[in-house]
PDB file of N, CA and C in Angstrom:
ATOM      1  N   MET A   1       7.741  -8.326   5.618  1.00  0.00           N
ATOM      2  CA  MET A   1       7.070  -7.070   5.367  1.00  0.00           C
ATOM      3  C   MET A   1       7.350  -6.518   3.965  1.00  0.00           C
ATOM      4  N   ALA A   2       8.290  -7.106   3.258  1.00  0.00           N
ATOM      5  CA  ALA A   2       8.559  -6.622   1.909  1.00  0.00           C
ATOM      6  C   ALA A   2       7.330  -6.744   1.030  1.00  0.00           C
ATOM      7  N   GLY A   3       6.562  -7.821   1.207  1.00  0.00           N
ATOM      8  CA  GLY A   3       5.352  -8.016   0.416  1.00  0.00           C
ATOM      9  C   GLY A   3       4.342  -6.919   0.658  1.00  0.00           C
ATOM     10  N   ILE A   4       4.131  -6.581   1.920  1.00  0.00           N
ATOM     11  CA  ILE A   4       3.168  -5.536   2.266  1.00  0.00           C
ATOM     12  C   ILE A   4       3.660  -4.199   1.709  1.00  0.00           C
ATOM     13  N   ASN A   5       4.985  -3.974   1.734  1.00  0.00           N
ATOM     14  CA  ASN A   5       5.526  -2.733   1.188  1.00  0.00           C
ATOM     15  C   ASN A   5       5.353  -2.680  -0.325  1.00  0.00           C
ATOM     16  N   LYS A   6       5.524  -3.815  -1.015  1.00  0.00           N
ATOM     17  CA  LYS A   6       5.321  -3.871  -2.462  1.00  0.00           C
ATOM     18  C   LYS A   6       3.881  -3.538  -2.788  1.00  0.00           C
ATOM     19  N   ILE A   7       2.951  -4.166  -2.078  1.00  0.00           N
ATOM     20  CA  ILE A   7       1.521  -3.916  -2.315  1.00  0.00           C
ATOM     21  C   ILE A   7       1.200  -2.472  -1.958  1.00  0.00           C
ATOM     22  N   SER A   8       1.758  -1.990  -0.857  1.00  0.00           N
ATOM     23  CA  SER A   8       1.470  -0.627  -0.425  1.00  0.00           C
ATOM     24  C   SER A   8       1.840   0.369  -1.519  1.00  0.00           C
ATOM     25  N   GLY A   9       3.012   0.210  -2.093  1.00  0.00           N
ATOM     26  CA  GLY A   9       3.427   1.127  -3.146  1.00  0.00           C
ATOM     27  C   GLY A   9       2.515   1.059  -4.353  1.00  0.00           C
ATOM     28  N   ASP A  10       2.118  -0.154  -4.738  1.00  0.00           N
ATOM     29  CA  ASP A  10       1.243  -0.315  -5.896  1.00  0.00           C
ATOM     30  C   ASP A  10      -0.132   0.282  -5.647  1.00  0.00           C
ATOM     31  N   PHE A  11      -0.725  -0.038  -4.514  1.00  0.00           N
ATOM     32  CA  PHE A  11      -2.095   0.404  -4.243  1.00  0.00           C
ATOM     33  C   PHE A  11      -2.159   1.858  -3.826  1.00  0.00           C
ATOM     34  N   GLU A  12      -1.088   2.377  -3.219  1.00  0.00           N
ATOM     35  CA  GLU A  12      -1.072   3.780  -2.846  1.00  0.00           C
ATOM     36  C   GLU A  12      -1.291   4.640  -4.086  1.00  0.00           C
ATOM     37  N   ASP A  13      -0.758   4.204  -5.212  1.00  0.00           N
ATOM     38  CA  ASP A  13      -0.925   4.935  -6.455  1.00  0.00           C
ATOM     39  C   ASP A  13      -2.243   4.609  -7.147  1.00  0.00           C
ATOM     40  N   LEU A  14      -2.681   3.362  -7.072  1.00  0.00           N
ATOM     41  CA  LEU A  14      -3.810   2.891  -7.849  1.00  0.00           C
ATOM     42  C   LEU A  14      -5.170   3.212  -7.231  1.00  0.00           C
ATOM     43  N   LEU A  15      -5.338   3.018  -5.939  1.00  0.00           N
ATOM     44  CA  LEU A  15      -6.663   3.175  -5.337  1.00  0.00           C
ATOM     45  C   LEU A  15      -7.237   4.585  -5.443  1.00  0.00           C
ATOM     46  N   PRO A  16      -6.462   5.639  -5.193  1.00  0.00           N
ATOM     47  CA  PRO A  16      -7.056   6.977  -5.363  1.00  0.00           C
ATOM     48  C   PRO A  16      -7.510   7.252  -6.795  1.00  0.00           C
ATOM     49  N   VAL A  17      -6.763   6.740  -7.772  1.00  0.00           N
ATOM     50  CA  VAL A  17      -7.148   6.912  -9.179  1.00  0.00           C
ATOM     51  C   VAL A  17      -8.461   6.173  -9.424  1.00  0.00           C
ATOM     52  N   MET A  18      -8.567   4.951  -8.887  1.00  0.00           N
ATOM     53  CA  MET A  18      -9.805   4.187  -9.041  1.00  0.00           C
ATOM     54  C   MET A  18     -10.967   4.905  -8.364  1.00  0.00           C
ATOM     55  N   ALA A  19     -10.714   5.475  -7.182  1.00  0.00           N
ATOM     56  CA  ALA A  19     -11.773   6.177  -6.461  1.00  0.00           C
ATOM     57  C   ALA A  19     -12.258   7.383  -7.252  1.00  0.00           C
ATOM     58  N   ASP A  20     -11.322   8.132  -7.839  1.00  0.00           N
ATOM     59  CA  ASP A  20     -11.703   9.291  -8.652  1.00  0.00           C
ATOM     60  C   ASP A  20     -12.522   8.855  -9.861  1.00  0.00           C
ATOM     61  N   LYS A  21     -12.112   7.765 -10.489  1.00  0.00           N
ATOM     62  CA  LYS A  21     -12.768   7.300 -11.709  1.00  0.00           C
ATOM     63  C   LYS A  21     -14.123   6.655 -11.416  1.00  0.00           C
ATOM     64  N   LEU A  22     -14.195   5.850 -10.342  1.00  0.00           N
ATOM     65  CA  LEU A  22     -15.379   5.037 -10.083  1.00  0.00           C
ATOM     66  C   LEU A  22     -16.324   5.623  -9.039  1.00  0.00           C
ATOM     67  N   GLY A  23     -15.835   6.556  -8.232  1.00  0.00           N
ATOM     68  CA  GLY A  23     -16.628   7.043  -7.110  1.00  0.00           C
ATOM     69  C   GLY A  23     -16.559   6.060  -5.954  1.00  0.00           C
ATOM     70  N   GLY A  24     -17.112   6.452  -4.829  1.00  0.00           N
ATOM     71  CA  GLY A  24     -17.040   5.624  -3.629  1.00  0.00           C
ATOM     72  C   GLY A  24     -17.670   4.254  -3.789  1.00  0.00           C
ATOM     73  N   GLU A  25     -18.898   4.221  -4.302  1.00  0.00           N
ATOM     74  CA  GLU A  25     -19.590   2.937  -4.457  1.00  0.00           C
ATOM     75  C   GLU A  25     -18.895   2.041  -5.475  1.00  0.00           C
ATOM     76  N   GLY A  26     -18.426   2.631  -6.560  1.00  0.00           N
ATOM     77  CA  GLY A  26     -17.724   1.854  -7.578  1.00  0.00           C
ATOM     78  C   GLY A  26     -16.437   1.257  -7.055  1.00  0.00           C
ATOM     79  N   LEU A  27     -15.723   2.032  -6.226  1.00  0.00           N
ATOM     80  CA  LEU A  27     -14.481   1.534  -5.643  1.00  0.00           C
ATOM     81  C   LEU A  27     -14.764   0.351  -4.722  1.00  0.00           C
ATOM     82  N   ILE A  28     -15.792   0.468  -3.902  1.00  0.00           N
ATOM     83  CA  ILE A  28     -16.152  -0.637  -3.002  1.00  0.00           C
ATOM     84  C   ILE A  28     -16.512  -1.876  -3.817  1.00  0.00           C
ATOM     85  N   THR A  29     -17.250  -1.688  -4.900  1.00  0.00           N
ATOM     86  CA  THR A  29     -17.599  -2.817  -5.771  1.00  0.00           C
ATOM     87  C   THR A  29     -16.345  -3.481  -6.322  1.00  0.00           C
ATOM     88  N   GLU A  30     -15.385  -2.667  -6.760  1.00  0.00           N
ATOM     89  CA  GLU A  30     -14.142  -3.225  -7.299  1.00  0.00           C
ATOM     90  C   GLU A  30     -13.341  -3.940  -6.224  1.00  0.00           C
ATOM     91  N   LEU A  31     -13.315  -3.390  -5.005  1.00  0.00           N
ATOM     92  CA  LEU A  31     -12.623  -4.076  -3.907  1.00  0.00           C
ATOM     93  C   LEU A  31     -13.286  -5.418  -3.623  1.00  0.00           C
ATOM     94  N   CYS A  32     -14.606  -5.448  -3.651  1.00  0.00           N
ATOM     95  CA  CYS A  32     -15.328  -6.710  -3.435  1.00  0.00           C
ATOM     96  C   CYS A  32     -14.994  -7.705  -4.537  1.00  0.00           C
ATOM     97  N   ASN A  33     -14.908  -7.228  -5.775  1.00  0.00           N
ATOM     98  CA  ASN A  33     -14.522  -8.096  -6.885  1.00  0.00           C
ATOM     99  C   ASN A  33     -13.102  -8.631  -6.684  1.00  0.00           C
ATOM    100  N   GLY A  34     -12.204  -7.767  -6.215  1.00  0.00           N
ATOM    101  CA  GLY A  34     -10.828  -8.189  -5.941  1.00  0.00           C
ATOM    102  C   GLY A  34     -10.778  -9.240  -4.848  1.00  0.00           C
ATOM    103  N   PHE A  35     -11.597  -9.058  -3.822  1.00  0.00           N
ATOM    104  CA  PHE A  35     -11.663 -10.044  -2.739  1.00  0.00           C
ATOM    105  C   PHE A  35     -12.094 -11.392  -3.295  1.00  0.00           C
ATOM    106  N   GLU A  36     -13.143 -11.398  -4.104  1.00  0.00           N
ATOM    107  CA  GLU A  36     -13.654 -12.654  -4.661  1.00  0.00           C
ATOM    108  C   GLU A  36     -12.629 -13.328  -5.567  1.00  0.00           C
ATOM    109  N   LEU A  37     -11.844 -12.532  -6.248  1.00  0.00           N
ATOM    110  CA  LEU A  37     -10.807 -13.064  -7.120  1.00  0.00           C
ATOM    111  C   LEU A  37      -9.714 -13.774  -6.314  1.00  0.00           C
ATOM    112  N   LEU A  38      -9.396 -13.244  -5.128  1.00  0.00           N
ATOM    113  CA  LEU A  38      -8.289 -13.767  -4.323  1.00  0.00           C
ATOM    114  C   LEU A  38      -8.697 -14.787  -3.275  1.00  0.00           C
ATOM    115  N   MET A  39      -9.976 -14.896  -3.007  1.00  0.00           N
ATOM    116  CA  MET A  39     -10.405 -15.751  -1.899  1.00  0.00           C
ATOM    117  C   MET A  39     -10.381 -17.238  -2.261  1.00  0.00           C
ATOM    118  N   ASP A  40     -10.330 -18.039  -1.220  1.00  0.00           N
ATOM    119  CA  ASP A  40     -10.495 -19.481  -1.330  1.00  0.00           C
ATOM    120  C   ASP A  40     -11.992 -19.710  -1.524  1.00  0.00           C
ATOM    121  N   LYS A  41     -12.373 -20.226  -2.665  1.00  0.00           N
ATOM    122  CA  LYS A  41     -13.798 -20.354  -2.998  1.00  0.00           C
ATOM    123  C   LYS A  41     -14.549 -21.256  -2.023  1.00  0.00           C
ATOM    124  N   ASP A  42     -13.885 -22.252  -1.456  1.00  0.00           N
ATOM    125  CA  ASP A  42     -14.543 -23.165  -0.517  1.00  0.00           C
ATOM    126  C   ASP A  42     -14.719 -22.542   0.865  1.00  0.00           C
ATOM    127  N   LYS A  43     -13.759 -21.733   1.281  1.00  0.00           N
ATOM    128  CA  LYS A  43     -13.788 -21.159   2.633  1.00  0.00           C
ATOM    129  C   LYS A  43     -14.414 -19.767   2.681  1.00  0.00           C
ATOM    130  N   GLY A  44     -14.440 -19.060   1.555  1.00  0.00           N
ATOM    131  CA  GLY A  44     -15.022 -17.721   1.506  1.00  0.00           C
ATOM    132  C   GLY A  44     -14.151 -16.645   2.138  1.00  0.00           C
ATOM    133  N   VAL A  45     -12.853 -16.922   2.304  1.00  0.00           N
ATOM    134  CA  VAL A  45     -11.898 -15.965   2.858  1.00  0.00           C
ATOM    135  C   VAL A  45     -10.601 -16.043   2.053  1.00  0.00           C
ATOM    136  N   ILE A  46      -9.762 -15.029   2.227  1.00  0.00           N
ATOM    137  CA  ILE A  46      -8.436 -15.067   1.608  1.00  0.00           C
ATOM    138  C   ILE A  46      -7.488 -15.718   2.600  1.00  0.00           C
ATOM    139  N   THR A  47      -6.879 -16.795   2.176  1.00  0.00           N
ATOM    140  CA  THR A  47      -5.870 -17.481   2.981  1.00  0.00           C
ATOM    141  C   THR A  47      -4.511 -17.249   2.338  1.00  0.00           C
ATOM    142  N   THR A  48      -3.464 -17.597   3.039  1.00  0.00           N
ATOM    143  CA  THR A  48      -2.132 -17.504   2.442  1.00  0.00           C
ATOM    144  C   THR A  48      -2.073 -18.359   1.183  1.00  0.00           C
ATOM    145  N   GLN A  49      -2.688 -19.539   1.236  1.00  0.00           N
ATOM    146  CA  GLN A  49      -2.677 -20.436   0.088  1.00  0.00           C
ATOM    147  C   GLN A  49      -3.451 -19.845  -1.099  1.00  0.00           C
ATOM    148  N   SER A  50      -4.623 -19.263  -0.839  1.00  0.00           N
ATOM    149  CA  SER A  50      -5.393 -18.693  -1.950  1.00  0.00           C
ATOM    150  C   SER A  50      -4.691 -17.455  -2.512  1.00  0.00           C
ATOM    151  N   LEU A  51      -4.032 -16.695  -1.644  1.00  0.00           N
ATOM    152  CA  LEU A  51      -3.284 -15.531  -2.104  1.00  0.00           C
ATOM    153  C   LEU A  51      -2.122 -15.971  -2.987  1.00  0.00           C
ATOM    154  N   LYS A  52      -1.444 -17.043  -2.562  1.00  0.00           N
ATOM    155  CA  LYS A  52      -0.336 -17.574  -3.363  1.00  0.00           C
ATOM    156  C   LYS A  52      -0.848 -18.063  -4.724  1.00  0.00           C
ATOM    157  N   LYS A  53      -1.943 -18.784  -4.691  1.00  0.00           N
ATOM    158  CA  LYS A  53      -2.512 -19.347  -5.921  1.00  0.00           C
ATOM    159  C   LYS A  53      -2.947 -18.252  -6.885  1.00  0.00           C
ATOM    160  N   ASN A  54      -3.490 -17.160  -6.362  1.00  0.00           N
ATOM    161  CA  ASN A  54      -4.077 -16.112  -7.193  1.00  0.00           C
ATOM    162  C   ASN A  54      -3.235 -14.846  -7.275  1.00  0.00           C
ATOM    163  N   SER A  55      -2.038 -14.858  -6.688  1.00  0.00           N
ATOM    164  CA  SER A  55      -1.228 -13.641  -6.627  1.00  0.00           C
ATOM    165  C   SER A  55      -0.792 -13.140  -7.999  1.00  0.00           C
ATOM    166  N   ALA A  56      -0.780 -14.007  -8.992  1.00  0.00           N
ATOM    167  CA  ALA A  56      -0.398 -13.565 -10.334  1.00  0.00           C
ATOM    168  C   ALA A  56      -1.354 -12.494 -10.852  1.00  0.00           C
ATOM    169  N   PHE A  57      -2.620 -12.541 -10.398  1.00  0.00           N
ATOM    170  CA  PHE A  57      -3.592 -11.522 -10.814  1.00  0.00           C
ATOM    171  C   PHE A  57      -3.160 -10.130 -10.366  1.00  0.00           C
ATOM    172  N   LEU A  58      -2.394 -10.058  -9.280  1.00  0.00           N
ATOM    173  CA  LEU A  58      -1.922  -8.775  -8.762  1.00  0.00           C
ATOM    174  C   LEU A  58      -0.507  -8.444  -9.218  1.00  0.00           C
ATOM    175  N   GLY A  59       0.073  -9.310 -10.016  1.00  0.00           N
ATOM    176  CA  GLY A  59       1.451  -9.093 -10.444  1.00  0.00           C
ATOM    177  C   GLY A  59       2.443  -9.353  -9.339  1.00  0.00           C
ATOM    178  N   LEU A  60       2.112 -10.264  -8.426  1.00  0.00           N
ATOM    179  CA  LEU A  60       2.966 -10.528  -7.270  1.00  0.00           C
ATOM    180  C   LEU A  60       3.577 -11.926  -7.313  1.00  0.00           C
ATOM    181  N   ARG A  61       3.909 -12.394  -8.484  1.00  0.00           N
ATOM    182  CA  ARG A  61       4.467 -13.743  -8.640  1.00  0.00           C
ATOM    183  C   ARG A  61       5.767 -13.927  -7.868  1.00  0.00           C
ATOM    184  N   ASP A  62       6.502 -12.854  -7.665  1.00  0.00           N
ATOM    185  CA  ASP A  62       7.829 -12.951  -7.056  1.00  0.00           C
ATOM    186  C   ASP A  62       7.803 -13.055  -5.534  1.00  0.00           C
ATOM    187  N   LEU A  63       6.644 -12.900  -4.915  1.00  0.00           N
ATOM    188  CA  LEU A  63       6.588 -12.922  -3.464  1.00  0.00           C
ATOM    189  C   LEU A  63       6.678 -14.342  -2.933  1.00  0.00           C
ATOM    190  N   GLY A  64       7.447 -14.503  -1.858  1.00  0.00           N
ATOM    191  CA  GLY A  64       7.603 -15.804  -1.237  1.00  0.00           C
ATOM    192  C   GLY A  64       6.472 -16.098  -0.263  1.00  0.00           C
ATOM    193  N   ASP A  65       6.445 -17.331   0.226  1.00  0.00           N
ATOM    194  CA  ASP A  65       5.410 -17.753   1.167  1.00  0.00           C
ATOM    195  C   ASP A  65       5.391 -16.884   2.422  1.00  0.00           C
ATOM    196  N   ASP A  66       6.583 -16.544   2.943  1.00  0.00           N
ATOM    197  CA  ASP A  66       6.656 -15.717   4.151  1.00  0.00           C
ATOM    198  C   ASP A  66       6.051 -14.341   3.927  1.00  0.00           C
ATOM    199  N   GLU A  67       6.314 -13.759   2.757  1.00  0.00           N
ATOM    200  CA  GLU A  67       5.772 -12.433   2.445  1.00  0.00           C
ATOM    201  C   GLU A  67       4.254 -12.474   2.294  1.00  0.00           C
ATOM    202  N   LEU A  68       3.743 -13.512   1.643  1.00  0.00           N
ATOM    203  CA  LEU A  68       2.295 -13.650   1.489  1.00  0.00           C
ATOM    204  C   LEU A  68       1.622 -13.863   2.837  1.00  0.00           C
ATOM    205  N   ALA A  69       2.236 -14.689   3.687  1.00  0.00           N
ATOM    206  CA  ALA A  69       1.695 -14.919   5.030  1.00  0.00           C
ATOM    207  C   ALA A  69       1.704 -13.626   5.837  1.00  0.00           C
ATOM    208  N   SER A  70       2.741 -12.825   5.661  1.00  0.00           N
ATOM    209  CA  SER A  70       2.836 -11.538   6.350  1.00  0.00           C
ATOM    210  C   SER A  70       1.713 -10.596   5.913  1.00  0.00           C
ATOM    211  N   MET A  71       1.382 -10.631   4.641  1.00  0.00           N
ATOM    212  CA  MET A  71       0.299  -9.794   4.132  1.00  0.00           C
ATOM    213  C   MET A  71      -1.030 -10.193   4.772  1.00  0.00           C
ATOM    214  N   VAL A  72      -1.269 -11.488   4.876  1.00  0.00           N
ATOM    215  CA  VAL A  72      -2.507 -11.959   5.496  1.00  0.00           C
ATOM    216  C   VAL A  72      -2.522 -11.564   6.967  1.00  0.00           C
ATOM    217  N   ARG A  73      -1.402 -11.765   7.669  1.00  0.00           N
ATOM    218  CA  ARG A  73      -1.333 -11.393   9.093  1.00  0.00           C
ATOM    219  C   ARG A  73      -1.580  -9.896   9.293  1.00  0.00           C
ATOM    220  N   GLU A  74      -1.047  -9.083   8.390  1.00  0.00           N
ATOM    221  CA  GLU A  74      -1.187  -7.624   8.493  1.00  0.00           C
ATOM    222  C   GLU A  74      -2.653  -7.197   8.502  1.00  0.00           C
ATOM    223  N   GLY A  75      -3.470  -7.874   7.715  1.00  0.00           N
ATOM    224  CA  GLY A  75      -4.877  -7.488   7.622  1.00  0.00           C
ATOM    225  C   GLY A  75      -5.815  -8.288   8.496  1.00  0.00           C
ATOM    226  N   ASP A  76      -5.323  -9.341   9.141  1.00  0.00           N
ATOM    227  CA  ASP A  76      -6.157 -10.267   9.918  1.00  0.00           C
ATOM    228  C   ASP A  76      -6.522  -9.654  11.271  1.00  0.00           C
ATOM    229  N   LEU A  77      -7.652  -8.977  11.317  1.00  0.00           N
ATOM    230  CA  LEU A  77      -8.060  -8.267  12.530  1.00  0.00           C
ATOM    231  C   LEU A  77      -8.616  -9.186  13.606  1.00  0.00           C
ATOM    232  N   ASP A  78      -9.236 -10.293  13.221  1.00  0.00           N
ATOM    233  CA  ASP A  78      -9.842 -11.173  14.221  1.00  0.00           C
ATOM    234  C   ASP A  78      -8.960 -12.363  14.600  1.00  0.00           C
ATOM    235  N   GLY A  79      -7.774 -12.455  14.009  1.00  0.00           N
ATOM    236  CA  GLY A  79      -6.812 -13.474  14.399  1.00  0.00           C
ATOM    237  C   GLY A  79      -7.129 -14.887  13.945  1.00  0.00           C
ATOM    238  N   ASP A  80      -7.974 -15.035  12.918  1.00  0.00           N
ATOM    239  CA  ASP A  80      -8.321 -16.381  12.472  1.00  0.00           C
ATOM    240  C   ASP A  80      -7.389 -16.914  11.377  1.00  0.00           C
ATOM    241  N   GLY A  81      -6.371 -16.136  11.017  1.00  0.00           N
ATOM    242  CA  GLY A  81      -5.401 -16.597  10.027  1.00  0.00           C
ATOM    243  C   GLY A  81      -5.831 -16.400   8.589  1.00  0.00           C
ATOM    244  N   ALA A  82      -6.907 -15.665   8.357  1.00  0.00           N
ATOM    245  CA  ALA A  82      -7.424 -15.421   7.006  1.00  0.00           C
ATOM    246  C   ALA A  82      -8.040 -14.031   6.970  1.00  0.00           C
ATOM    247  N   LEU A  83      -8.309 -13.554   5.760  1.00  0.00           N
ATOM    248  CA  LEU A  83      -8.945 -12.249   5.584  1.00  0.00           C
ATOM    249  C   LEU A  83     -10.375 -12.433   5.101  1.00  0.00           C
ATOM    250  N   ASN A  84     -11.330 -11.926   5.884  1.00  0.00           N
ATOM    251  CA  ASN A  84     -12.693 -11.889   5.370  1.00  0.00           C
ATOM    252  C   ASN A  84     -12.811 -10.627   4.513  1.00  0.00           C
ATOM    253  N   GLN A  85     -13.962 -10.424   3.922  1.00  0.00           N
ATOM    254  CA  GLN A  85     -14.123  -9.310   2.987  1.00  0.00           C
ATOM    255  C   GLN A  85     -13.877  -7.956   3.662  1.00  0.00           C
ATOM    256  N   MET A  86     -14.394  -7.776   4.865  1.00  0.00           N
ATOM    257  CA  MET A  86     -14.206  -6.510   5.569  1.00  0.00           C
ATOM    258  C   MET A  86     -12.727  -6.277   5.876  1.00  0.00           C
ATOM    259  N   GLU A  87     -12.021  -7.304   6.346  1.00  0.00           N
ATOM    260  CA  GLU A  87     -10.600  -7.159   6.659  1.00  0.00           C
ATOM    261  C   GLU A  87      -9.799  -6.816   5.405  1.00  0.00           C
ATOM    262  N   PHE A  88     -10.145  -7.434   4.284  1.00  0.00           N
ATOM    263  CA  PHE A  88      -9.461  -7.148   3.030  1.00  0.00           C
ATOM    264  C   PHE A  88      -9.655  -5.685   2.634  1.00  0.00           C
ATOM    265  N   CYS A  89     -10.888  -5.198   2.697  1.00  0.00           N
ATOM    266  CA  CYS A  89     -11.167  -3.807   2.318  1.00  0.00           C
ATOM    267  C   CYS A  89     -10.467  -2.831   3.259  1.00  0.00           C
ATOM    268  N   VAL A  90     -10.489  -3.114   4.552  1.00  0.00           N
ATOM    269  CA  VAL A  90      -9.795  -2.261   5.518  1.00  0.00           C
ATOM    270  C   VAL A  90      -8.301  -2.228   5.202  1.00  0.00           C
ATOM    271  N   LEU A  91      -7.721  -3.385   4.909  1.00  0.00           N
ATOM    272  CA  LEU A  91      -6.299  -3.448   4.582  1.00  0.00           C
ATOM    273  C   LEU A  91      -5.990  -2.626   3.341  1.00  0.00           C
ATOM    274  N   MET A  92      -6.823  -2.730   2.324  1.00  0.00           N
ATOM    275  CA  MET A  92      -6.578  -1.972   1.103  1.00  0.00           C
ATOM    276  C   MET A  92      -6.631  -0.466   1.364  1.00  0.00           C
ATOM    277  N   PHE A  93      -7.574  -0.033   2.192  1.00  0.00           N
ATOM    278  CA  PHE A  93      -7.646   1.391   2.538  1.00  0.00           C
ATOM    279  C   PHE A  93      -6.443   1.808   3.377  1.00  0.00           C
ATOM    280  N   ARG A  94      -6.023   0.944   4.301  1.00  0.00           N
ATOM    281  CA  ARG A  94      -4.865   1.264   5.144  1.00  0.00           C
ATOM    282  C   ARG A  94      -3.598   1.400   4.315  1.00  0.00           C
ATOM    283  N   LEU A  95      -3.506   0.660   3.236  1.00  0.00           N
ATOM    284  CA  LEU A  95      -2.322   0.705   2.389  1.00  0.00           C
ATOM    285  C   LEU A  95      -2.275   1.957   1.526  1.00  0.00           C
ATOM    286  N   SER A  96      -3.349   2.722   1.514  1.00  0.00           N
ATOM    287  CA  SER A  96      -3.409   3.921   0.686  1.00  0.00           C
ATOM    288  C   SER A  96      -3.734   5.131   1.561  1.00  0.00           C
ATOM    289  N   PRO A  97      -2.713   5.813   2.095  1.00  0.00           N
ATOM    290  CA  PRO A  97      -2.972   6.974   2.965  1.00  0.00           C
ATOM    291  C   PRO A  97      -3.833   8.044   2.301  1.00  0.00           C
ATOM    292  N   GLN A  98      -3.618   8.303   1.010  1.00  0.00           N
ATOM    293  CA  GLN A  98      -4.413   9.331   0.320  1.00  0.00           C
ATOM    294  C   GLN A  98      -5.879   8.916   0.296  1.00  0.00           C
ATOM    295  N   LEU A  99      -6.130   7.646   0.053  1.00  0.00           N
ATOM    296  CA  LEU A  99      -7.504   7.171   0.003  1.00  0.00           C
ATOM    297  C   LEU A  99      -8.148   7.236   1.390  1.00  0.00           C
ATOM    298  N   MET A 100      -7.364   6.988   2.428  1.00  0.00           N
ATOM    299  CA  MET A 100      -7.892   7.099   3.798  1.00  0.00           C
ATOM    300  C   MET A 100      -8.387   8.522   4.046  1.00  0.00           C
ATOM    301  N   GLU A 101      -7.608   9.508   3.627  1.00  0.00           N
ATOM    302  CA  GLU A 101      -8.018  10.899   3.803  1.00  0.00           C
ATOM    303  C   GLU A 101      -9.300  11.190   3.018  1.00  0.00           C
ATOM    304  N   GLU A 102      -9.366  10.697   1.777  1.00  0.00           N
ATOM    305  CA  GLU A 102     -10.544  10.927   0.950  1.00  0.00           C
ATOM    306  C   GLU A 102     -11.772  10.240   1.533  1.00  0.00           C
ATOM    307  N   SER A 103     -11.596   9.027   2.074  1.00  0.00           N
ATOM    308  CA  SER A 103     -12.740   8.316   2.642  1.00  0.00           C
ATOM    309  C   SER A 103     -13.267   9.034   3.874  1.00  0.00           C
ATOM    310  N   GLN A 104     -12.388   9.698   4.621  1.00  0.00           N
ATOM    311  CA  GLN A 104     -12.845  10.483   5.773  1.00  0.00           C
ATOM    312  C   GLN A 104     -13.693  11.657   5.279  1.00  0.00           C
ATOM    313  N   LEU A 105     -13.287  12.279   4.192  1.00  0.00           N
ATOM    314  CA  LEU A 105     -14.079  13.384   3.631  1.00  0.00           C
ATOM    315  C   LEU A 105     -15.435  12.878   3.143  1.00  0.00           C
ATOM    316  N   TRP A 106     -15.465  11.700   2.498  1.00  0.00           N
ATOM    317  CA  TRP A 106     -16.739  11.124   2.051  1.00  0.00           C
ATOM    318  C   TRP A 106     -17.657  10.875   3.242  1.00  0.00           C
ATOM    319  N   LEU A 107     -17.093  10.357   4.323  1.00  0.00           N
ATOM    320  CA  LEU A 107     -17.872  10.075   5.523  1.00  0.00           C
ATOM    321  C   LEU A 107     -18.427  11.365   6.116  1.00  0.00           C
ATOM    322  N   GLU A 108     -17.587  12.392   6.198  1.00  0.00           N
ATOM    323  CA  GLU A 108     -18.044  13.672   6.742  1.00  0.00           C
ATOM    324  C   GLU A 108     -19.167  14.259   5.886  1.00  0.00           C
ATOM    325  N   GLU A 109     -19.033  14.181   4.564  1.00  0.00           N
ATOM    326  CA  GLU A 109     -20.081  14.698   3.674  1.00  0.00           C
ATOM    327  C   GLU A 109     -21.377  13.910   3.849  1.00  0.00           C
ATOM    328  N   ALA A 110     -21.273  12.601   3.970  1.00  0.00           N
ATOM    329  CA  ALA A 110     -22.462  11.763   4.149  1.00  0.00           C
ATOM    330  C   ALA A 110     -23.148  12.081   5.476  1.00  0.00           C
ATOM    331  N   LEU A 111     -22.365  12.281   6.530  1.00  0.00           N
ATOM    332  CA  LEU A 111     -22.937  12.619   7.831  1.00  0.00           C
ATOM    333  C   LEU A 111     -23.621  13.980   7.795  1.00  0.00           C
ATOM    334  N   GLU A 112     -22.973  14.944   7.140  1.00  0.00           N
ATOM    335  CA  GLU A 112     -23.580  16.271   6.997  1.00  0.00           C
ATOM    336  C   GLU A 112     -24.920  16.182   6.284  1.00  0.00           C
ATOM    337  N   GLU A 113     -24.971  15.416   5.218  1.00  0.00           N
ATOM    338  CA  GLU A 113     -26.198  15.242   4.441  1.00  0.00           C
ATOM    339  C   GLU A 113     -27.287  14.580   5.287  1.00  0.00           C
ATOM    340  N   GLU A 114     -26.914  13.560   6.048  1.00  0.00           N
ATOM    341  CA  GLU A 114     -27.879  12.865   6.906  1.00  0.00           C
ATOM    342  C   GLU A 114     -28.424  13.805   7.973  1.00  0.00           C
ATOM    343  N   LEU A 115     -27.551  14.611   8.570  1.00  0.00           N
ATOM    344  CA  LEU A 115     -27.995  15.569   9.586  1.00  0.00           C
ATOM    345  C   LEU A 115     -28.916  16.624   8.978  1.00  0.00           C
ATOM    346  N   LYS A 116     -28.569  17.083   7.782  1.00  0.00           N
ATOM    347  CA  LYS A 116     -29.394  18.072   7.090  1.00  0.00           C
ATOM    348  C   LYS A 116     -30.791  17.485   6.802  1.00  0.00           C
ATOM    349  N   ASN A 117     -30.812  16.236   6.319  1.00  0.00           N
ATOM    350  CA  ASN A 117     -32.089  15.576   6.012  1.00  0.00           C
ATOM    351  C   ASN A 117     -32.904  15.321   7.276  1.00  0.00           C
ATOM    352  N   ALA A 118     -32.249  15.185   8.418  1.00  0.00           N
ATOM    353  CA  ALA A 118     -32.940  14.956   9.678  1.00  0.00           C
ATOM    354  C   ALA A 118     -33.393  16.267  10.337  1.00  0.00           C
ATOM    355  N   GLY A 119     -33.056  17.390   9.686  1.00  0.00           N
ATOM    356  CA  GLY A 119     -33.506  18.693  10.209  1.00  0.00           C
ATOM    357  C   GLY A 119     -32.564  19.355  11.182  1.00  0.00           C
ATOM    358  N   PHE A 120     -31.323  18.932  11.214  1.00  0.00           N
ATOM    359  CA  PHE A 120     -30.342  19.564  12.121  1.00  0.00           C
ATOM    360  C   PHE A 120     -29.540  20.609  11.432  1.00  0.00           C
TER     361      PHE A 120
END
């Protein structure tokens, strides 16, 4: 879990700043870009091996195999041993409590707007 804690500390600080700078859509685009950077190009998912191979992009060279595997397990919602794009984005949001709160506000604003446009 040390790996997940290292990432959590880094992203807890970084993601809200990115969200403020890029807006909701821009942040999602950047998360998608991050997923593509870390994924196994042949499989289309992030595996422990692809994370290890590409972890230098995140400044995580010091993490061991067990820590990287733990990170993948933490985000693996369907139990297939890898992270698809949705699982990766969910994990990144989960690692940033401040961003989770902000995303709830974005959702509430979007729902309010949709209801207003529908005449409610």
